[in-house]
Amino acid sequence: MKISNNAIVIGLAAVLLGGLFYWQSKASPLPVNANNQQAQVVLDRFVVDLGEMKVDEVKTGEFILKNKGDGAVVLTNFETSCNCTYGRVVFGEAVSPTFNMRAHMAPGDFWWRQELNPGEEVKIQVIYKPSVMPVYGSVERSLLFKTSDPKMPSVELKVKAFVK
């Protein structure tokens, strides 16, 4: 069996492109601080219990995230664990897009980012709407995102509820 030069070139190109995509997927979208200043993400909590709720109710859990480091921190890549769960970041008067499961968000919303200087804080809201995906009994849903804090590169904030 004789392999043509075109097949070899196409095969090598495919391997190189595959390697490039793999390398790019492992690259961090977050900046590295060259001045040895470190971001330090501190959260007031990781879980909020929303208590009992009816399937047609909407409840919101709020979390406070503060940058206690001496370098800026970037928050990005927000997404939720279920289509019935939404997230928002409130920074002063500014409000982020509403985050959801990645497949259900506008294309640019996943790449939205917020930079916090040392000492700054944001309020993160996790909104649970059980009527979107009705489940009864104990429920736990999450908002996930990335940070540039090397000690906390990924964050998962949870809301718990008992749906009646």
Protein backbone atom coordinates (compact mmCIF):
# COMPACT_ATOMS: atom_id res chain seq x y z
CA MET A 1 0.00 0.00 0.00
CA LYS A 2 1.46 3.31 -1.09
CA ILE A 3 0.66 6.52 0.85
CA SER A 4 0.62 9.71 -1.18
CA ASN A 5 2.49 12.87 -0.19
CA ASN A 6 -0.85 14.70 0.14
CA ALA A 7 -2.05 12.19 2.73
CA ILE A 8 1.16 12.63 4.75
CA VAL A 9 0.88 16.44 4.64
CA ILE A 10 -2.79 16.33 5.65
CA GLY A 11 -2.00 13.91 8.49
CA LEU A 12 0.83 16.09 9.82
CA ALA A 13 -1.35 19.21 9.58
CA ALA A 14 -4.11 17.45 11.53
CA VAL A 15 -1.68 16.40 14.28
CA LEU A 16 -0.23 19.92 14.52
CA LEU A 17 -3.67 21.55 14.65
CA GLY A 18 -4.86 19.05 17.25
CA GLY A 19 -1.80 19.78 19.37
CA LEU A 20 -2.37 23.52 19.02
CA PHE A 21 -6.00 23.21 20.12
CA TYR A 22 -4.99 21.02 23.07
CA TRP A 23 -2.27 23.47 24.16
CA GLN A 24 -4.67 26.43 23.80
CA SER A 25 -7.33 24.68 25.90
CA LYS A 26 -4.80 24.29 28.72
CA ALA A 27 -3.66 27.92 28.55
CA SER A 28 -5.03 30.18 31.27
CA PRO A 29 -7.22 33.05 30.07
CA LEU A 30 -6.20 34.94 33.20
CA PRO A 31 -3.24 37.30 33.49
CA VAL A 32 -0.06 36.44 35.37
CA ASN A 33 1.26 39.20 37.61
CA ALA A 34 4.92 39.95 36.84
CA ASN A 35 5.44 42.16 39.94
CA ASN A 36 5.00 39.31 42.45
CA GLN A 37 1.76 40.90 43.60
CA GLN A 38 -0.79 38.26 44.47
CA ALA A 39 -4.54 38.32 44.18
CA GLN A 40 -6.27 36.79 47.20
CA VAL A 41 -9.93 35.86 46.85
CA VAL A 42 -11.86 35.72 50.12
CA LEU A 43 -15.53 34.70 50.22
CA ASP A 44 -17.92 35.19 53.12
CA ARG A 45 -19.30 31.69 52.47
CA PHE A 46 -19.60 28.98 49.82
CA VAL A 47 -23.13 27.70 50.51
CA VAL A 48 -26.44 29.50 51.12
CA ASP A 49 -29.46 27.56 52.37
CA LEU A 50 -32.56 29.06 50.75
CA GLY A 51 -34.84 26.99 53.01
CA GLU A 52 -38.21 25.66 51.91
CA MET A 53 -39.75 27.03 48.73
CA LYS A 54 -42.57 26.34 46.32
CA VAL A 55 -41.76 25.28 42.77
CA ASP A 56 -43.11 28.59 41.40
CA GLU A 57 -41.01 30.77 43.74
CA VAL A 58 -37.68 32.42 42.95
CA LYS A 59 -35.02 32.81 45.63
CA THR A 60 -31.57 34.38 45.59
CA GLY A 61 -28.47 33.50 47.60
CA GLU A 62 -25.92 36.29 47.98
CA PHE A 63 -22.19 35.93 48.49
CA ILE A 64 -19.54 38.61 49.08
CA LEU A 65 -16.18 38.15 47.34
CA LYS A 66 -13.31 40.43 48.33
CA ASN A 67 -9.79 40.79 46.98
CA LYS A 68 -7.57 40.84 50.09
CA GLY A 69 -4.35 40.50 48.12
CA ASP A 70 -1.93 43.19 46.97
CA GLY A 71 -2.51 42.52 43.26
CA ALA A 72 -5.61 42.72 41.07
CA VAL A 73 -7.85 39.67 40.72
CA VAL A 74 -9.83 38.76 37.60
CA LEU A 75 -13.13 36.87 37.76
CA THR A 76 -14.34 35.18 34.56
CA ASN A 77 -15.91 32.07 32.95
CA PHE A 78 -19.13 32.12 34.99
CA GLU A 79 -21.59 29.28 34.37
CA THR A 80 -24.25 27.42 36.33
CA SER A 81 -24.90 23.74 36.97
CA CYS A 82 -28.51 23.79 35.74
CA ASN A 83 -30.73 25.78 33.40
CA CYS A 84 -32.89 26.64 36.46
CA THR A 85 -29.99 28.49 38.10
CA TYR A 86 -28.68 31.94 37.22
CA GLY A 87 -25.81 34.08 38.43
CA ARG A 88 -24.96 37.78 38.49
CA VAL A 89 -22.07 39.89 39.75
CA VAL A 90 -22.86 43.30 41.26
CA PHE A 91 -19.94 45.74 41.44
CA GLY A 92 -21.10 49.10 42.76
CA GLU A 93 -23.86 50.23 40.40
CA ALA A 94 -22.70 47.91 37.60
CA VAL A 95 -24.33 44.51 37.06
CA SER A 96 -22.88 41.71 34.94
CA PRO A 97 -24.81 39.80 32.30
CA THR A 98 -27.02 37.07 33.76
CA PHE A 99 -25.11 33.79 33.66
CA ASN A 100 -26.63 30.36 33.07
CA MET A 101 -25.45 27.04 31.71
CA ARG A 102 -22.84 27.81 29.07
CA ALA A 103 -24.96 26.41 26.22
CA HIS A 104 -27.85 28.71 27.18
CA MET A 105 -25.91 32.00 27.45
CA ALA A 106 -25.23 34.62 24.82
CA PRO A 107 -21.87 33.79 23.18
CA GLY A 108 -19.87 36.57 24.84
CA ASP A 109 -21.30 36.22 28.36
CA PHE A 110 -19.07 33.27 29.32
CA TRP A 111 -15.99 35.39 28.52
CA TRP A 112 -17.22 38.40 30.55
CA ARG A 113 -14.68 39.40 33.17
CA GLN A 114 -14.46 41.66 36.19
CA GLU A 115 -11.19 42.95 37.61
CA LEU A 116 -11.01 43.80 41.31
CA ASN A 117 -8.18 45.90 42.69
CA PRO A 118 -6.84 45.18 46.19
CA GLY A 119 -9.53 45.85 48.80
CA GLU A 120 -12.44 45.88 46.32
CA GLU A 121 -15.41 43.54 46.66
CA VAL A 122 -18.39 42.34 44.66
CA LYS A 123 -21.72 40.80 45.52
CA ILE A 124 -22.38 37.54 43.68
CA GLN A 125 -26.00 36.45 43.35
CA VAL A 126 -27.09 32.87 42.68
CA ILE A 127 -30.74 32.82 41.63
CA TYR A 128 -32.75 29.59 41.77
CA LYS A 129 -35.98 29.22 39.74
CA PRO A 130 -37.26 25.66 40.28
CA SER A 131 -40.14 26.07 37.81
CA VAL A 132 -37.64 26.00 34.91
CA MET A 133 -36.62 22.40 35.72
CA PRO A 134 -39.13 21.19 38.33
CA VAL A 135 -37.55 18.97 40.96
CA TYR A 136 -39.06 18.35 44.39
CA GLY A 137 -37.31 17.69 47.68
CA SER A 138 -33.71 18.57 48.54
CA VAL A 139 -31.93 20.41 45.73
CA GLU A 140 -28.41 21.78 45.40
CA ARG A 141 -27.35 24.03 42.49
CA SER A 142 -24.05 25.79 41.71
CA LEU A 143 -22.47 28.83 40.10
CA LEU A 144 -18.92 28.11 38.94
CA PHE A 145 -16.23 30.57 37.82
CA LYS A 146 -12.48 31.10 37.46
CA THR A 147 -10.21 33.58 39.26
CA SER A 148 -6.63 34.72 38.82
CA ASP A 149 -5.88 33.88 42.48
CA PRO A 150 -3.31 31.06 42.21
CA LYS A 151 -4.58 29.56 45.49
CA MET A 152 -8.23 29.61 44.37
CA PRO A 153 -8.29 29.31 40.55
CA SER A 154 -11.81 27.83 40.52
CA VAL A 155 -14.78 28.68 42.71
CA GLU A 156 -18.07 26.85 43.20
CA LEU A 157 -20.84 28.69 45.07
CA LYS A 158 -23.88 26.59 46.03
CA VAL A 159 -27.49 27.23 46.94
CA LYS A 160 -29.54 24.57 48.68
CA ALA A 161 -33.31 24.42 48.97
CA PHE A 162 -36.17 22.10 49.77
CA VAL A 163 -38.74 22.42 46.97
CA LYS A 164 -42.37 21.61 47.86
